[in-house]
């Protein structure tokens, strides 16, 4: 007998300060990062997403995760999503 489960992602952004965009199996996190403190807040958002995934027995495909930065003055902060550096 097969057992199917539904996982709802409506609570994905509950503890995230950045903007979350969801479509099908795609999730994007956006935040303005002007300095190291902003980058730490982005990392905190990523930590919350990783915690959500763990609590719901799901995984983000870290190999498909990318960082896109706009503007000048990149502080080259190293982000991490659940143990997989981005």
N, C-alpha and C. Protein backbone atom coordinates (compact mmCIF):
# COMPACT_ATOMS: atom_id res chain seq x y z
N UNK A 1 0.84 -1.17 0.00
CA UNK A 1 0.00 0.00 0.00
C UNK A 1 0.90 1.24 0.00
N UNK A 2 0.63 2.17 -0.89
CA UNK A 2 1.38 3.41 -0.95
C UNK A 2 0.73 4.46 -0.05
N UNK A 3 1.57 5.19 0.64
CA UNK A 3 1.07 6.28 1.48
C UNK A 3 1.59 7.58 0.90
N UNK A 4 0.70 8.48 0.63
CA UNK A 4 1.06 9.78 0.09
C UNK A 4 0.91 10.84 1.16
N UNK A 5 1.81 11.76 1.18
CA UNK A 5 1.75 12.84 2.16
C UNK A 5 1.78 14.18 1.43
N UNK A 6 1.07 15.11 1.96
CA UNK A 6 1.11 16.48 1.45
C UNK A 6 1.93 17.33 2.40
N UNK A 7 2.81 18.11 1.84
CA UNK A 7 3.57 19.06 2.64
C UNK A 7 3.23 20.45 2.13
N UNK A 8 2.74 21.28 3.01
CA UNK A 8 2.35 22.63 2.64
C UNK A 8 3.48 23.59 2.97
N UNK A 9 3.80 24.46 2.05
CA UNK A 9 4.93 25.37 2.23
C UNK A 9 4.47 26.78 2.61
N UNK A 10 3.21 26.94 2.99
CA UNK A 10 2.71 28.27 3.33
C UNK A 10 3.41 28.88 4.53
N UNK A 11 3.97 28.05 5.41
CA UNK A 11 4.64 28.57 6.60
C UNK A 11 6.15 28.69 6.40
N UNK A 12 6.61 28.53 5.18
CA UNK A 12 8.04 28.57 4.88
C UNK A 12 8.69 29.88 5.32
N UNK A 13 7.99 30.99 5.13
CA UNK A 13 8.60 32.29 5.40
C UNK A 13 8.24 32.88 6.77
N UNK A 14 7.70 32.08 7.67
CA UNK A 14 7.24 32.60 8.96
C UNK A 14 8.32 33.35 9.72
N UNK A 15 9.52 32.82 9.81
CA UNK A 15 10.58 33.47 10.59
C UNK A 15 11.65 34.11 9.72
N UNK A 16 11.33 34.36 8.46
CA UNK A 16 12.30 34.91 7.52
C UNK A 16 12.03 36.39 7.33
N UNK A 17 13.07 37.21 7.46
CA UNK A 17 12.93 38.65 7.30
C UNK A 17 13.00 39.12 5.86
N UNK A 18 13.64 38.33 5.00
CA UNK A 18 13.74 38.67 3.59
C UNK A 18 12.45 38.32 2.86
N UNK A 19 12.42 38.60 1.59
CA UNK A 19 11.26 38.31 0.76
C UNK A 19 11.40 36.92 0.15
N UNK A 20 10.36 36.10 0.29
CA UNK A 20 10.35 34.74 -0.26
C UNK A 20 9.45 34.72 -1.50
N UNK A 21 9.95 34.12 -2.56
CA UNK A 21 9.17 33.90 -3.78
C UNK A 21 9.09 32.40 -3.99
N UNK A 22 7.85 31.87 -4.14
CA UNK A 22 7.65 30.44 -4.32
C UNK A 22 6.86 30.20 -5.60
N UNK A 23 7.30 29.22 -6.37
CA UNK A 23 6.56 28.78 -7.54
C UNK A 23 6.87 27.31 -7.75
N UNK A 24 5.85 26.49 -7.71
CA UNK A 24 6.00 25.03 -7.86
C UNK A 24 7.07 24.54 -6.88
N UNK A 25 8.18 23.99 -7.38
CA UNK A 25 9.22 23.48 -6.48
C UNK A 25 10.41 24.43 -6.41
N UNK A 26 10.18 25.68 -6.75
CA UNK A 26 11.23 26.71 -6.75
C UNK A 26 11.02 27.67 -5.58
N UNK A 27 12.07 28.01 -4.89
CA UNK A 27 12.01 28.99 -3.81
C UNK A 27 13.15 29.97 -3.98
N UNK A 28 12.83 31.25 -3.89
CA UNK A 28 13.85 32.29 -3.97
C UNK A 28 13.77 33.16 -2.73
N UNK A 29 14.92 33.54 -2.21
CA UNK A 29 15.00 34.43 -1.06
C UNK A 29 15.71 35.69 -1.51
N UNK A 30 15.11 36.84 -1.23
CA UNK A 30 15.71 38.11 -1.64
C UNK A 30 15.82 39.04 -0.43
N UNK A 31 16.90 39.77 -0.37
CA UNK A 31 17.12 40.73 0.71
C UNK A 31 18.15 41.74 0.23
N UNK A 32 17.99 42.98 0.62
CA UNK A 32 19.00 44.01 0.33
C UNK A 32 20.15 43.81 1.30
N UNK A 33 21.36 43.67 0.75
CA UNK A 33 22.56 43.47 1.56
C UNK A 33 23.54 44.58 1.21
N UNK A 34 23.67 45.53 2.13
CA UNK A 34 24.58 46.66 1.92
C UNK A 34 25.85 46.57 2.76
N UNK A 35 25.83 45.70 3.79
CA UNK A 35 26.97 45.61 4.70
C UNK A 35 27.01 44.23 5.36
N UNK A 36 27.97 44.02 6.21
CA UNK A 36 28.15 42.72 6.86
C UNK A 36 26.95 42.36 7.73
N UNK A 37 26.38 43.34 8.41
CA UNK A 37 25.21 43.06 9.26
C UNK A 37 24.03 42.57 8.43
N UNK A 38 23.81 43.18 7.26
CA UNK A 38 22.75 42.72 6.35
C UNK A 38 23.05 41.30 5.87
N UNK A 39 24.30 41.01 5.58
CA UNK A 39 24.69 39.67 5.14
C UNK A 39 24.43 38.65 6.25
N UNK A 40 24.67 39.02 7.48
CA UNK A 40 24.39 38.13 8.61
C UNK A 40 22.89 37.87 8.75
N UNK A 41 22.07 38.88 8.45
CA UNK A 41 20.62 38.69 8.47
C UNK A 41 20.19 37.73 7.36
N UNK A 42 20.82 37.85 6.19
CA UNK A 42 20.54 36.92 5.09
C UNK A 42 20.91 35.50 5.50
N UNK A 43 22.06 35.34 6.14
CA UNK A 43 22.48 34.02 6.62
C UNK A 43 21.49 33.49 7.64
N UNK A 44 20.98 34.36 8.51
CA UNK A 44 19.99 33.95 9.50
C UNK A 44 18.71 33.46 8.80
N UNK A 45 18.30 34.14 7.73
CA UNK A 45 17.16 33.68 6.94
C UNK A 45 17.42 32.30 6.35
N UNK A 46 18.61 32.10 5.81
CA UNK A 46 18.97 30.79 5.25
C UNK A 46 18.96 29.71 6.33
N UNK A 47 19.40 30.06 7.53
CA UNK A 47 19.38 29.11 8.65
C UNK A 47 17.94 28.73 9.00
N UNK A 48 17.03 29.72 8.97
CA UNK A 48 15.62 29.43 9.24
C UNK A 48 15.04 28.51 8.17
N UNK A 49 15.39 28.75 6.91
CA UNK A 49 14.91 27.88 5.83
C UNK A 49 15.43 26.45 6.00
N UNK A 50 16.70 26.32 6.35
CA UNK A 50 17.27 24.99 6.57
C UNK A 50 16.59 24.30 7.76
N UNK A 51 16.29 25.04 8.80
CA UNK A 51 15.58 24.49 9.96
C UNK A 51 14.17 24.04 9.59
N UNK A 52 13.49 24.85 8.76
CA UNK A 52 12.16 24.47 8.29
C UNK A 52 12.23 23.17 7.50
N UNK A 53 13.22 23.06 6.62
CA UNK A 53 13.37 21.86 5.80
C UNK A 53 13.62 20.64 6.69
N UNK A 54 14.46 20.78 7.68
CA UNK A 54 14.73 19.67 8.61
C UNK A 54 13.47 19.26 9.36
N UNK A 55 12.74 20.25 9.87
CA UNK A 55 11.53 19.97 10.64
C UNK A 55 10.47 19.27 9.79
N UNK A 56 10.46 19.54 8.49
CA UNK A 56 9.47 18.95 7.58
C UNK A 56 10.03 17.78 6.78
N UNK A 57 11.21 17.31 7.19
CA UNK A 57 11.87 16.17 6.56
C UNK A 57 11.99 16.37 5.04
N UNK A 58 12.41 17.58 4.68
CA UNK A 58 12.63 17.91 3.27
C UNK A 58 14.07 18.37 3.11
N UNK A 59 14.48 18.50 1.87
CA UNK A 59 15.83 18.98 1.58
C UNK A 59 15.78 20.00 0.46
N UNK A 60 16.62 21.00 0.58
CA UNK A 60 16.86 21.90 -0.55
C UNK A 60 17.99 21.28 -1.36
N UNK A 61 17.90 21.38 -2.66
CA UNK A 61 18.96 20.88 -3.52
C UNK A 61 20.07 21.93 -3.55
N UNK A 62 21.03 21.79 -2.66
CA UNK A 62 22.08 22.78 -2.50
C UNK A 62 22.91 22.93 -3.77
N UNK A 63 23.02 21.86 -4.55
CA UNK A 63 23.77 21.94 -5.80
C UNK A 63 23.13 22.89 -6.81
N UNK A 64 21.82 23.10 -6.68
CA UNK A 64 21.12 24.01 -7.59
C UNK A 64 21.00 25.43 -7.02
N UNK A 65 21.41 25.62 -5.78
CA UNK A 65 21.31 26.94 -5.15
C UNK A 65 22.39 27.86 -5.68
N UNK A 66 22.00 29.06 -6.00
CA UNK A 66 22.92 30.06 -6.53
C UNK A 66 22.71 31.38 -5.81
N UNK A 67 23.74 32.20 -5.81
CA UNK A 67 23.67 33.54 -5.25
C UNK A 67 23.73 34.52 -6.41
N UNK A 68 22.77 35.44 -6.44
CA UNK A 68 22.76 36.47 -7.47
C UNK A 68 22.83 37.82 -6.78
N UNK A 69 23.83 38.59 -7.12
CA UNK A 69 24.02 39.88 -6.49
C UNK A 69 23.95 40.97 -7.55
N UNK A 70 23.25 42.05 -7.20
CA UNK A 70 23.11 43.19 -8.08
C UNK A 70 23.80 44.39 -7.46
N UNK A 71 24.36 45.24 -8.27
CA UNK A 71 24.98 46.46 -7.76
C UNK A 71 26.47 46.31 -7.56
N UNK A 72 27.05 47.38 -7.08
CA UNK A 72 28.50 47.41 -6.87
C UNK A 72 28.81 47.27 -5.39
N UNK A 73 30.06 46.98 -5.09
CA UNK A 73 30.47 46.92 -3.68
C UNK A 73 30.17 45.59 -3.03
N UNK A 74 30.32 44.49 -3.76
CA UNK A 74 30.08 43.16 -3.23
C UNK A 74 31.02 42.91 -2.04
N UNK A 75 30.45 42.53 -0.90
CA UNK A 75 31.28 42.27 0.28
C UNK A 75 31.79 40.83 0.31
N UNK A 76 31.39 40.03 -0.69
CA UNK A 76 31.86 38.64 -0.84
C UNK A 76 31.67 37.81 0.42
N UNK A 77 30.50 37.90 1.01
CA UNK A 77 30.13 37.11 2.17
C UNK A 77 29.87 35.67 1.73
N UNK A 78 30.32 34.70 2.48
CA UNK A 78 30.11 33.28 2.15
C UNK A 78 28.87 32.79 2.89
N UNK A 79 27.83 32.48 2.12
CA UNK A 79 26.58 31.99 2.69
C UNK A 79 26.59 30.47 2.76
N UNK A 80 25.73 29.93 3.64
CA UNK A 80 25.64 28.50 3.85
C UNK A 80 24.17 28.12 4.02
N UNK A 81 23.73 27.07 3.34
CA UNK A 81 22.36 26.58 3.48
C UNK A 81 22.42 25.13 3.96
N UNK A 82 22.29 24.96 5.24
CA UNK A 82 22.24 23.62 5.80
C UNK A 82 23.51 22.81 5.59
N UNK A 83 24.66 23.43 5.65
CA UNK A 83 25.92 22.72 5.52
C UNK A 83 26.53 22.74 4.14
N UNK A 84 25.81 23.30 3.15
CA UNK A 84 26.35 23.38 1.79
C UNK A 84 26.65 24.83 1.45
N UNK A 85 27.89 25.20 1.46
CA UNK A 85 28.25 26.60 1.22
C UNK A 85 27.81 27.03 -0.17
N UNK A 86 27.31 28.27 -0.25
CA UNK A 86 26.84 28.82 -1.51
C UNK A 86 27.80 29.80 -2.10
